[in-house]
């Protein structure tokens, strides 16, 4: 006894199998991320080294060349490029596509660590970062004001927007572009410094000596214990201006005697402008790998509207980037294509079978197979994107083939006068091997896509797996639910009834024509 006969004898079992497929597919659909294309991690490693105060020539000779010489010996490197600018060295290492990203990052870290002893002593430690397909922002919003400076806007962006947006589910990081951090700038005058015989080293030593807060221990008593804190940090411009630079028995030299301290932005070399050159800051959201982009952006807009109610009215907001606009349009078009394909399949089946019962049975295989494929996507770690939805569109016409073959074989025996239950057993038994062989053939066509190398193979891997998975699910439905429904729903119809009905219609038409002629006469 094969699986089709078991399903016919136990219809509840066949129904439960299909219900479980739909249930697992619906659960998997709820956990799937939504993005435009599959997540493909490019095997690119970036090594960034900061050397404050060094010009580009020093960076090139003492940092970049030393690191390049060490990194160049790693196997699997496709290209190695570097940029040496004032104070910074950036080396980009691109590996072959078949190289594992984690292994490549570890190899680069090992080579960089070997080169540390050959770098200048006061250089910052190199930062090794791997490129990620999900490391790009998906939505950003600018903040402007005619009444506030960039320091105040940066404070609003960091203390309000960043704090309240970083709790959105699926968010990896909140970046503030163009932000300005508060800093105390010491504007020294060389002429006055020469007059007091003070050097920049003296100023630096005074800052290191006076602007410090050290642990001071505690006071213990019989009934109390108090911790001591020494307030040694300089916080205001006045405190910095009164800082004693030199006191060696002669006149006391303070910072205000050789310069001035001002509270200004830390970085004044870069600026974010927009809308006619107006200075602004921007809040950008970076998602976690595999997260739902559309859900993140929807929650972003919802929280921004709530935040606006608590902020001053002089602030202006503008959405500078929203990558989900294209995603929404692409997914909407694919959804419309799926509905059109489903409607055409149902219409064509009805045209050829000319019965709603025989049409409904194979059509049931379409939603079950397509919904079940979402669980395969979830298990495989895929996302809802253009290629996976394209696979579902293609599967709409493929998954119904097995059900039509099973239905036609059973229905032909019922039309021959066989009992529906017996026709179900006999018809499904004859066609079982054909269904299995057809399924294996279709799966063998699409599954090898997962072995393709290169970027194309990475992109179409999800496409092949989804099509093959939906075909396999359709085979299970065709061997369980379709025979059961065919054996219990299909009925034998008398062949003469159709001719009698046609003759009756022709007789009615003749009488109507006769009555019409009499009326005209």
Protein backbone atom coordinates (compact mmCIF):
# COMPACT_ATOMS: atom_id res chain seq x y z
CA UNK A 1 0.00 0.00 0.00
CA UNK A 2 1.50 3.31 -1.09
CA UNK A 3 1.13 6.73 0.49
CA UNK A 4 -1.75 7.69 -1.81
CA UNK A 5 -3.82 4.69 -0.76
CA UNK A 6 -3.14 5.45 2.89
CA UNK A 7 -4.29 9.03 2.32
CA UNK A 8 -7.49 7.87 0.62
CA UNK A 9 -8.30 5.47 3.45
CA UNK A 10 -7.36 8.06 6.10
CA UNK A 11 -8.49 11.47 4.84
CA UNK A 12 -7.77 13.13 8.20
CA UNK A 13 -4.10 12.15 7.90
CA UNK A 14 -3.87 13.65 4.41
CA UNK A 15 -5.56 16.84 5.59
CA UNK A 16 -3.29 17.16 8.64
CA UNK A 17 -0.17 16.79 6.46
CA UNK A 18 -1.28 19.71 4.27
CA UNK A 19 -2.32 21.77 7.30
CA UNK A 20 1.10 21.23 8.89
CA UNK A 21 2.82 22.34 5.69
CA UNK A 22 0.75 25.54 5.65
CA UNK A 23 1.25 26.10 9.39
CA UNK A 24 5.04 25.74 9.26
CA UNK A 25 5.14 27.95 6.17
CA UNK A 26 3.13 30.67 7.90
CA UNK A 27 5.39 30.51 10.98
CA UNK A 28 8.50 30.73 8.81
CA UNK A 29 7.02 33.67 6.89
CA UNK A 30 6.72 35.64 10.13
CA UNK A 31 10.45 35.33 10.81
CA UNK A 32 11.70 36.09 7.30
CA UNK A 33 13.53 39.31 6.58
CA UNK A 34 12.55 41.58 3.69
CA UNK A 35 15.20 43.11 1.45
CA UNK A 36 15.67 43.91 -2.23
CA UNK A 37 18.32 41.31 -3.09
CA UNK A 38 19.83 38.33 -1.24
CA UNK A 39 22.40 39.10 1.42
CA UNK A 40 25.82 38.48 -0.14
CA UNK A 41 28.83 39.20 2.03
CA UNK A 42 31.66 40.42 -0.21
CA UNK A 43 35.02 39.01 0.95
CA UNK A 44 36.54 42.46 1.53
CA UNK A 45 38.69 43.38 4.53
CA UNK A 46 39.60 46.96 5.37
CA UNK A 47 42.61 47.92 7.50
CA UNK A 48 42.49 51.50 8.84
CA UNK A 49 45.38 53.09 10.74
CA UNK A 50 45.36 56.60 12.24
CA UNK A 51 48.58 58.53 12.74
CA UNK A 52 47.68 61.99 14.04
CA UNK A 53 49.82 64.81 12.71
CA UNK A 54 51.60 62.82 10.00
CA UNK A 55 51.45 63.94 6.39
CA UNK A 56 50.61 61.68 3.45
CA UNK A 57 54.25 60.92 2.60
CA UNK A 58 55.03 59.69 6.10
CA UNK A 59 51.81 57.65 6.16
CA UNK A 60 52.77 56.05 2.84
CA UNK A 61 56.34 55.17 3.75
CA UNK A 62 56.07 54.27 7.44
CA UNK A 63 52.57 52.77 7.71
CA UNK A 64 50.95 51.79 4.41
CA UNK A 65 53.95 50.14 2.79
CA UNK A 66 54.80 48.21 5.96
CA UNK A 67 51.28 46.81 6.25
CA UNK A 68 50.95 46.09 2.52
CA UNK A 69 54.19 44.11 2.50
CA UNK A 70 52.93 41.90 5.31
CA UNK A 71 49.35 41.48 4.03
CA UNK A 72 50.37 40.76 0.44
CA UNK A 73 51.51 37.26 1.34
CA UNK A 74 48.02 35.99 2.22
CA UNK A 75 46.61 33.39 -0.16
CA UNK A 76 43.45 34.12 -2.12
CA UNK A 77 43.86 37.89 -2.50
CA UNK A 78 42.23 39.25 -5.64
CA UNK A 79 43.10 42.95 -5.35
CA UNK A 80 44.88 45.09 -2.77
CA UNK A 81 44.41 48.85 -2.85
CA UNK A 82 45.48 51.56 -0.43
CA UNK A 83 44.88 55.26 0.20
CA UNK A 84 47.35 57.36 2.21
CA UNK A 85 46.09 60.73 3.39
CA UNK A 86 47.06 63.15 6.14
CA UNK A 87 46.79 61.26 9.40
CA UNK A 88 45.19 58.11 8.01
CA UNK A 89 46.07 54.96 6.06
CA UNK A 90 43.34 52.83 4.51
CA UNK A 91 44.12 49.45 2.93
CA UNK A 92 41.34 47.49 1.17
CA UNK A 93 41.92 43.77 0.59
CA UNK A 94 39.51 41.97 -1.75
CA UNK A 95 39.62 38.17 -1.75
CA UNK A 96 38.29 35.63 -4.22
CA UNK A 97 34.58 34.90 -3.88
CA UNK A 98 35.11 31.33 -2.71
CA UNK A 99 37.26 32.47 0.25
CA UNK A 100 35.54 32.33 3.63
CA UNK A 101 35.10 35.85 5.03
CA UNK A 102 35.89 34.88 8.64
CA UNK A 103 39.04 33.00 7.65
CA UNK A 104 40.18 35.94 5.51
CA UNK A 105 39.61 38.39 8.39
CA UNK A 106 41.63 36.20 10.77
CA UNK A 107 44.50 35.94 8.27
CA UNK A 108 44.61 39.72 7.87
CA UNK A 109 44.57 40.24 11.65
CA UNK A 110 47.49 37.83 12.07
CA UNK A 111 49.57 39.60 9.43
CA UNK A 112 48.75 43.03 10.84
CA UNK A 113 49.72 41.96 14.37
CA UNK A 114 53.10 40.80 13.03
CA UNK A 115 53.74 44.25 11.58
CA UNK A 116 53.01 46.26 14.74
CA UNK A 117 56.65 46.28 15.85
CA UNK A 118 57.65 47.85 12.51
CA UNK A 119 55.20 50.74 12.82
CA UNK A 120 55.97 54.07 14.57
CA UNK A 121 55.63 53.94 18.34
CA UNK A 122 52.99 56.68 18.60
CA UNK A 123 50.73 55.36 15.82
CA UNK A 124 47.23 54.17 16.73
CA UNK A 125 46.63 50.40 16.54
CA UNK A 126 45.32 49.33 13.10
CA UNK A 127 41.61 48.56 12.87
CA UNK A 128 40.67 45.48 10.84
CA UNK A 129 37.05 45.45 9.65
CA UNK A 130 35.23 43.06 7.34
CA UNK A 131 32.73 44.30 4.81
CA UNK A 132 29.12 43.28 5.32
CA UNK A 133 26.23 43.37 2.85
CA UNK A 134 24.02 44.73 5.65
CA UNK A 135 26.44 47.43 6.81
CA UNK A 136 24.91 50.15 4.61
CA UNK A 137 22.19 52.42 6.01
CA UNK A 138 18.66 51.79 4.81
CA UNK A 139 17.06 55.05 5.93
CA UNK A 140 18.38 58.44 7.00
CA UNK A 141 16.78 61.72 8.03
CA UNK A 142 18.34 65.18 8.18
CA UNK A 143 17.77 67.72 10.96
CA UNK A 144 18.07 71.46 10.30
CA UNK A 145 17.38 74.67 12.16
CA UNK A 146 17.81 78.39 11.54
CA UNK A 147 18.06 79.15 15.25
CA UNK A 148 20.50 76.48 16.46
CA UNK A 149 24.12 75.68 15.67
CA UNK A 150 25.54 72.28 14.77
CA UNK A 151 26.58 71.54 18.35
CA UNK A 152 23.00 71.86 19.55
CA UNK A 153 21.67 69.86 16.59
CA UNK A 154 24.24 67.13 17.26
CA UNK A 155 23.19 66.98 20.89
CA UNK A 156 19.53 66.57 19.87
CA UNK A 157 20.43 63.87 17.34
CA UNK A 158 22.53 61.89 19.83
CA UNK A 159 20.53 62.37 23.03
CA UNK A 160 17.01 62.18 21.58
CA UNK A 161 16.85 60.48 18.20
CA UNK A 162 19.67 57.99 18.70
CA UNK A 163 18.54 56.96 22.17
CA UNK A 164 14.93 56.37 21.12
CA UNK A 165 15.59 54.79 17.72
CA UNK A 166 18.27 52.28 18.70
CA UNK A 167 15.70 50.11 20.49
CA UNK A 168 13.92 49.29 17.21
CA UNK A 169 14.00 45.54 16.62
CA UNK A 170 16.53 44.57 13.96
CA UNK A 171 18.65 47.73 14.18
CA UNK A 172 22.40 47.21 14.30
CA UNK A 173 23.61 50.81 14.74
CA UNK A 174 22.42 54.42 14.65
CA UNK A 175 24.94 56.72 12.95
CA UNK A 176 24.83 60.50 13.22
CA UNK A 177 26.36 62.08 10.12
CA UNK A 178 27.86 65.55 10.36
CA UNK A 179 27.65 65.63 14.15
CA UNK A 180 29.91 67.96 16.12
CA UNK A 181 31.28 67.01 19.52
CA UNK A 182 32.05 69.58 22.19
CA UNK A 183 35.76 70.23 22.76
CA UNK A 184 37.92 72.84 24.43
CA UNK A 185 40.20 74.43 21.83
CA UNK A 186 43.38 76.09 23.09
CA UNK A 187 44.27 78.97 20.75
CA UNK A 188 47.93 79.73 21.48
CA UNK A 189 49.68 82.90 20.30
CA UNK A 190 53.34 82.26 19.31
CA UNK A 191 54.45 85.86 20.03
CA UNK A 192 53.18 85.81 23.61
CA UNK A 193 54.57 82.31 24.16
CA UNK A 194 58.00 83.49 23.04
CA UNK A 195 57.76 86.48 25.37
CA UNK A 196 57.15 84.26 28.39
CA UNK A 197 59.56 81.59 27.12
CA UNK A 198 56.81 78.93 27.04
CA UNK A 199 56.70 76.05 24.57
CA UNK A 200 53.76 73.88 23.46
CA UNK A 201 55.32 71.03 25.41
CA UNK A 202 54.96 73.08 28.59
CA UNK A 203 51.25 73.56 27.83
CA UNK A 204 50.80 69.84 27.24
CA UNK A 205 52.58 68.94 30.46
CA UNK A 206 50.48 71.42 32.41
CA UNK A 207 47.29 69.90 31.01
CA UNK A 208 48.43 66.39 31.87
CA UNK A 209 49.40 67.52 35.35
CA UNK A 210 46.40 69.66 36.28
CA UNK A 211 43.49 68.31 34.24
CA UNK A 212 43.24 64.93 35.91
CA UNK A 213 40.93 63.20 38.36
CA UNK A 214 42.50 60.41 40.40
CA UNK A 215 40.93 58.00 42.89
CA UNK A 216 41.35 59.37 46.43
CA UNK A 217 40.28 56.41 48.54
CA UNK A 218 37.75 56.55 51.36
CA UNK A 219 37.24 57.62 54.94
CA UNK A 220 36.25 54.90 57.36
CA UNK A 221 34.63 55.49 60.73
CA UNK A 222 32.91 53.42 63.37
CA UNK A 223 29.45 53.91 61.88
CA UNK A 224 30.02 55.41 58.44
CA UNK A 225 32.19 54.98 55.41
CA UNK A 226 32.62 57.78 52.86
CA UNK A 227 34.29 57.67 49.46
CA UNK A 228 36.42 60.67 48.51
CA UNK A 229 36.31 62.29 45.08
CA UNK A 230 38.74 64.98 44.01
CA UNK A 231 37.29 67.36 41.43
CA UNK A 232 40.37 67.84 39.29
CA UNK A 233 38.80 68.06 35.84
CA UNK A 234 38.63 71.40 34.04
CA UNK A 235 35.20 71.87 32.48
CA UNK A 236 34.72 75.53 31.57
CA UNK A 237 36.65 77.94 29.38
CA UNK A 238 37.36 80.14 32.41
CA UNK A 239 38.98 77.25 34.29
CA UNK A 240 41.18 76.48 31.31
CA UNK A 241 42.17 80.14 30.92
CA UNK A 242 43.22 80.24 34.59
CA UNK A 243 45.32 77.10 34.21
CA UNK A 244 48.86 77.71 35.55
CA UNK A 245 51.40 76.85 32.89
CA UNK A 246 54.54 77.82 34.85
CA UNK A 247 55.25 78.78 38.41
CA UNK A 248 58.98 78.60 39.09
CA UNK A 249 59.44 81.47 41.51
CA UNK A 250 58.99 84.18 38.91
CA UNK A 251 55.77 85.58 37.50
CA UNK A 252 52.97 83.03 37.28
CA UNK A 253 52.13 82.26 33.66
CA UNK A 254 48.56 81.27 33.00
CA UNK A 255 46.97 80.05 29.78
CA UNK A 256 45.16 83.34 29.26
CA UNK A 257 48.54 85.07 29.18
CA UNK A 258 49.68 83.14 26.09
CA UNK A 259 46.39 82.36 24.39
CA UNK A 260 42.70 81.71 24.86
CA UNK A 261 40.47 78.68 25.52
CA UNK A 262 37.18 78.41 23.64
CA UNK A 263 34.41 75.81 23.61
CA UNK A 264 34.21 74.80 19.94
CA UNK A 265 33.47 71.69 17.84
CA UNK A 266 36.11 68.99 17.91
CA UNK A 267 36.13 68.52 14.13
CA UNK A 268 35.85 71.69 12.08
CA UNK A 269 37.26 70.27 8.85
CA UNK A 270 34.11 68.52 7.65
CA UNK A 271 30.53 69.71 7.29
CA UNK A 272 27.26 68.21 6.10
CA UNK A 273 25.19 70.57 3.98
CA UNK A 274 21.94 70.29 2.08
CA UNK A 275 18.93 72.20 0.78
CA UNK A 276 20.83 75.20 -0.53
CA UNK A 277 23.95 74.86 1.58
CA UNK A 278 22.28 74.81 5.00
CA UNK A 279 24.39 73.07 7.67
CA UNK A 280 22.66 70.02 9.10
CA UNK A 281 23.09 66.65 10.78
CA UNK A 282 21.60 63.33 9.70
CA UNK A 283 20.45 60.24 11.57
CA UNK A 284 21.05 56.97 9.66
CA UNK A 285 19.90 53.45 10.57
CA UNK A 286 21.97 50.34 9.82
CA UNK A 287 20.10 47.00 10.07
CA UNK A 288 21.18 43.65 11.45
CA UNK A 289 21.87 40.83 8.94
CA UNK A 290 18.66 39.08 7.94
CA UNK A 291 16.34 41.67 9.50
CA UNK A 292 13.12 42.96 7.97
CA UNK A 293 13.97 46.25 6.26
CA UNK A 294 10.36 47.26 5.67
CA UNK A 295 9.36 46.64 9.29
CA UNK A 296 12.36 48.64 10.54
CA UNK A 297 11.58 51.64 8.33
CA UNK A 298 7.87 51.56 9.24
CA UNK A 299 8.77 51.62 12.93
CA UNK A 300 11.31 54.37 12.24
CA UNK A 301 8.68 56.67 10.75
CA UNK A 302 6.30 55.86 13.58
CA UNK A 303 8.81 56.79 16.29
CA UNK A 304 9.99 59.90 14.47
CA UNK A 305 6.44 61.24 14.49
CA UNK A 306 6.30 60.68 18.24
CA UNK A 307 9.69 62.33 18.80
CA UNK A 308 8.71 65.42 16.80
CA UNK A 309 5.96 66.20 19.31
CA UNK A 310 8.53 66.63 22.10
CA UNK A 311 11.03 68.81 20.18
CA UNK A 312 11.06 72.55 19.39
CA UNK A 313 9.14 73.76 16.37
CA UNK A 314 12.15 75.47 14.77
CA UNK A 315 13.60 72.09 13.73
CA UNK A 316 13.07 70.94 10.14
CA UNK A 317 13.22 67.30 9.04
CA UNK A 318 13.78 65.74 5.65
CA UNK A 319 14.14 62.08 4.62
CA UNK A 320 17.41 61.92 2.70
CA UNK A 321 17.52 58.16 2.08
CA UNK A 322 14.94 55.39 2.06
CA UNK A 323 16.04 52.20 0.32
CA UNK A 324 12.74 50.48 1.06
CA UNK A 325 10.91 52.57 -1.57
CA UNK A 326 12.39 50.44 -4.33
CA UNK A 327 11.92 47.30 -2.25
CA UNK A 328 8.24 48.04 -1.71
CA UNK A 329 7.65 48.74 -5.41
CA UNK A 330 9.52 45.60 -6.50
CA UNK A 331 7.72 43.38 -4.00
CA UNK A 332 4.35 44.91 -4.93
CA UNK A 333 4.95 44.20 -8.62
CA UNK A 334 5.98 40.63 -7.85
CA UNK A 335 2.90 40.15 -5.67
CA UNK A 336 0.70 41.39 -8.50
CA UNK A 337 2.47 38.98 -10.86
CA UNK A 338 1.82 36.10 -8.45
CA UNK A 339 -1.89 36.94 -8.31
CA UNK A 340 -2.08 37.20 -12.09
CA UNK A 341 -0.24 33.91 -12.51
CA UNK A 342 -2.51 32.21 -9.98
CA UNK A 343 -5.61 33.54 -11.75
CA UNK A 344 -4.38 32.40 -15.16
CA UNK A 345 -3.59 28.93 -13.84
CA UNK A 346 -7.07 28.59 -12.34
CA UNK A 347 -8.72 29.89 -15.52
CA UNK A 348 -6.80 27.55 -17.83
CA UNK A 349 -7.51 24.54 -15.61
CA UNK A 350 -11.23 25.40 -15.57
CA UNK A 351 -11.32 25.85 -19.34
CA UNK A 352 -9.95 22.38 -19.94
CA UNK A 353 -11.64 20.51 -17.07
CA UNK A 354 -14.98 22.44 -17.26
CA UNK A 355 -16.00 21.55 -13.74
CA UNK A 356 -15.54 23.44 -10.51
CA UNK A 357 -14.82 20.28 -8.52
CA UNK A 358 -12.08 19.12 -10.84
CA UNK A 359 -10.69 22.66 -10.92
CA UNK A 360 -10.58 23.13 -7.16
CA UNK A 361 -8.65 19.92 -6.44
CA UNK A 362 -5.41 20.75 -8.34
CA UNK A 363 -5.68 24.44 -7.43
CA UNK A 364 -5.39 23.48 -3.74
CA UNK A 365 -1.81 22.39 -4.38
CA UNK A 366 -0.75 25.94 -5.35
CA UNK A 367 -1.21 27.81 -2.03
CA UNK A 368 -0.05 24.83 0.04
CA UNK A 369 3.19 24.47 -1.94
CA UNK A 370 3.90 28.20 -2.10
CA UNK A 371 3.21 28.81 1.59
CA UNK A 372 5.25 25.76 2.55
CA UNK A 373 8.21 27.12 0.61
CA UNK A 374 8.46 29.98 3.13
CA UNK A 375 9.44 27.45 5.79
CA UNK A 376 12.23 26.18 3.53
CA UNK A 377 13.39 29.79 3.14
CA UNK A 378 13.37 30.22 6.91
CA UNK A 379 15.33 27.02 7.58
CA UNK A 380 17.87 27.92 4.87
CA UNK A 381 18.40 31.42 6.29
CA UNK A 382 17.01 33.19 3.21
CA UNK A 383 14.97 36.38 3.01
CA UNK A 384 12.01 37.65 1.06
CA UNK A 385 13.56 39.41 -1.91
CA UNK A 386 13.08 39.80 -5.64
CA UNK A 387 14.77 36.51 -6.52
CA UNK A 388 12.88 34.38 -3.98
CA UNK A 389 9.59 35.96 -5.04
CA UNK A 390 10.56 35.34 -8.67
CA UNK A 391 11.01 31.69 -7.73
CA UNK A 392 7.51 31.65 -6.24
CA UNK A 393 6.10 33.18 -9.45
CA UNK A 394 7.78 30.48 -11.51
CA UNK A 395 6.61 27.77 -9.11
CA UNK A 396 2.98 28.86 -9.44
CA UNK A 397 2.65 27.04 -12.75
CA UNK A 398 4.99 24.16 -11.89
CA UNK A 399 3.54 22.96 -8.59
CA UNK A 400 0.11 22.33 -10.14
CA UNK A 401 1.41 19.91 -12.79
CA UNK A 402 1.64 16.86 -10.53
CA UNK A 403 -1.84 17.43 -9.12
CA UNK A 404 -3.33 17.72 -12.63
CA UNK A 405 -1.67 14.47 -13.72
CA UNK A 406 -3.00 12.59 -10.68
CA UNK A 407 -6.48 14.10 -11.03
CA UNK A 408 -6.73 13.32 -14.76
CA UNK A 409 -5.71 9.69 -14.30
CA UNK A 410 -8.25 9.17 -11.51
CA UNK A 411 -11.01 11.07 -13.33
CA UNK A 412 -10.54 9.07 -16.52
CA UNK A 413 -11.19 5.86 -14.61
CA UNK A 414 -14.27 7.36 -12.96
CA UNK A 415 -15.60 8.35 -16.38
CA UNK A 416 -15.01 4.75 -17.49
CA UNK A 417 -17.50 3.58 -14.87
CA UNK A 418 -15.15 2.67 -12.00
CA UNK A 419 -16.10 3.43 -8.43
CA UNK A 420 -14.47 6.71 -7.26
CA UNK A 421 -12.73 5.09 -4.27
CA UNK A 422 -11.38 2.26 -6.39
CA UNK A 423 -10.43 4.72 -9.13
CA UNK A 424 -8.53 6.73 -6.55
CA UNK A 425 -6.51 3.69 -5.45
CA UNK A 426 -5.83 2.43 -8.95
CA UNK A 427 -5.20 5.81 -10.57
CA UNK A 428 -2.82 7.06 -7.87
CA UNK A 429 -0.97 3.73 -7.82
CA UNK A 430 -0.33 3.91 -11.56
CA UNK A 431 0.91 7.48 -11.47
CA UNK A 432 3.00 7.47 -8.24
CA UNK A 433 6.29 6.56 -9.92
CA UNK A 434 5.70 9.15 -12.65
CA UNK A 435 5.11 11.88 -10.03
CA UNK A 436 8.28 10.92 -8.14
CA UNK A 437 10.39 10.85 -11.29
CA UNK A 438 8.99 14.21 -12.45
CA UNK A 439 9.74 15.79 -9.07
CA UNK A 440 13.28 14.45 -9.01
CA UNK A 441 13.82 15.72 -12.56
CA UNK A 442 12.62 19.25 -11.74
CA UNK A 443 14.61 19.36 -8.50
CA UNK A 444 17.70 18.12 -10.33
CA UNK A 445 17.36 21.02 -12.75
CA UNK A 446 17.25 23.79 -10.12
CA UNK A 447 19.27 22.43 -7.18
CA UNK A 448 22.65 22.44 -8.98
CA UNK A 449 22.40 26.25 -8.99
CA UNK A 450 23.64 26.17 -5.39
CA UNK A 451 27.00 24.89 -6.65
CA UNK A 452 27.58 27.86 -8.97
CA UNK A 453 30.59 29.96 -8.03
CA UNK A 454 30.94 33.70 -8.18
CA UNK A 455 28.49 36.48 -7.42
CA UNK A 456 25.85 35.06 -9.79
CA UNK A 457 25.86 31.75 -7.96
CA UNK A 458 25.50 33.51 -4.61
CA UNK A 459 22.53 35.53 -5.86
CA UNK A 460 20.61 32.70 -7.58
CA UNK A 461 21.22 30.14 -4.85
CA UNK A 462 18.06 31.20 -3.06
CA UNK A 463 16.13 31.10 -6.34
CA UNK A 464 17.09 27.48 -7.05
CA UNK A 465 16.45 26.23 -3.54
CA UNK A 466 12.99 27.84 -3.34
CA UNK A 467 11.87 26.43 -6.71
CA UNK A 468 13.17 22.94 -5.90
CA UNK A 469 11.62 23.05 -2.42
CA UNK A 470 8.19 24.09 -3.70
CA UNK A 471 8.28 21.31 -6.31
CA UNK A 472 9.07 18.72 -3.63
CA UNK A 473 6.22 20.00 -1.46
CA UNK A 474 3.86 19.87 -4.45
CA UNK A 475 4.79 16.20 -4.96
CA UNK A 476 3.86 15.45 -1.35
CA UNK A 477 0.53 17.24 -1.78
CA UNK A 478 -0.13 15.46 -5.09
CA UNK A 479 0.44 12.04 -3.51
CA UNK A 480 -1.61 12.71 -0.36
CA UNK A 481 -4.25 15.42 -0.57
CA UNK A 482 -5.04 15.25 -4.32
CA UNK A 483 -5.88 11.47 -4.42
CA UNK A 484 -7.96 11.80 -1.27
CA UNK A 485 -9.99 14.72 -2.61
CA UNK A 486 -10.34 13.12 -6.05
CA UNK A 487 -11.65 9.87 -4.62
CA UNK A 488 -14.17 11.60 -2.36
CA UNK A 489 -15.23 14.63 -4.41
CA UNK A 490 -15.39 13.43 -8.00
CA UNK A 491 -18.63 11.84 -9.18
CA UNK A 492 -19.49 9.80 -12.26
CA UNK A 493 -21.65 11.64 -14.77
CA UNK A 494 -23.82 10.01 -17.44
CA UNK A 495 -22.43 10.69 -20.89
CA UNK A 496 -25.94 10.92 -22.38
CA UNK A 497 -26.99 13.66 -20.02
CA UNK A 498 -24.85 16.19 -21.85
CA UNK A 499 -26.37 15.25 -25.24
CA UNK A 500 -29.88 15.40 -23.78
CA UNK A 501 -29.17 18.78 -22.36
CA UNK A 502 -27.81 20.00 -25.70
CA UNK A 503 -30.92 18.68 -27.50
CA UNK A 504 -33.20 20.39 -25.00
CA UNK A 505 -31.37 23.68 -25.50
CA UNK A 506 -31.63 23.35 -29.30
CA UNK A 507 -35.39 22.64 -29.07
CA UNK A 508 -35.91 25.69 -26.87
CA UNK A 509 -33.96 27.82 -29.35
CA UNK A 510 -36.08 26.55 -32.29
CA UNK A 511 -39.32 27.39 -30.50
CA UNK A 512 -38.06 30.88 -29.61
CA UNK A 513 -37.18 31.50 -33.25
CA UNK A 514 -40.62 30.26 -34.36
CA UNK A 515 -42.38 32.57 -31.92
CA UNK A 516 -40.21 35.46 -33.13
CA UNK A 517 -41.17 34.85 -36.76
CA UNK A 518 -44.88 34.76 -35.90
CA UNK A 519 -44.60 38.06 -34.06
CA UNK A 520 -42.88 39.71 -37.04
CA UNK A 521 -45.51 38.33 -39.42
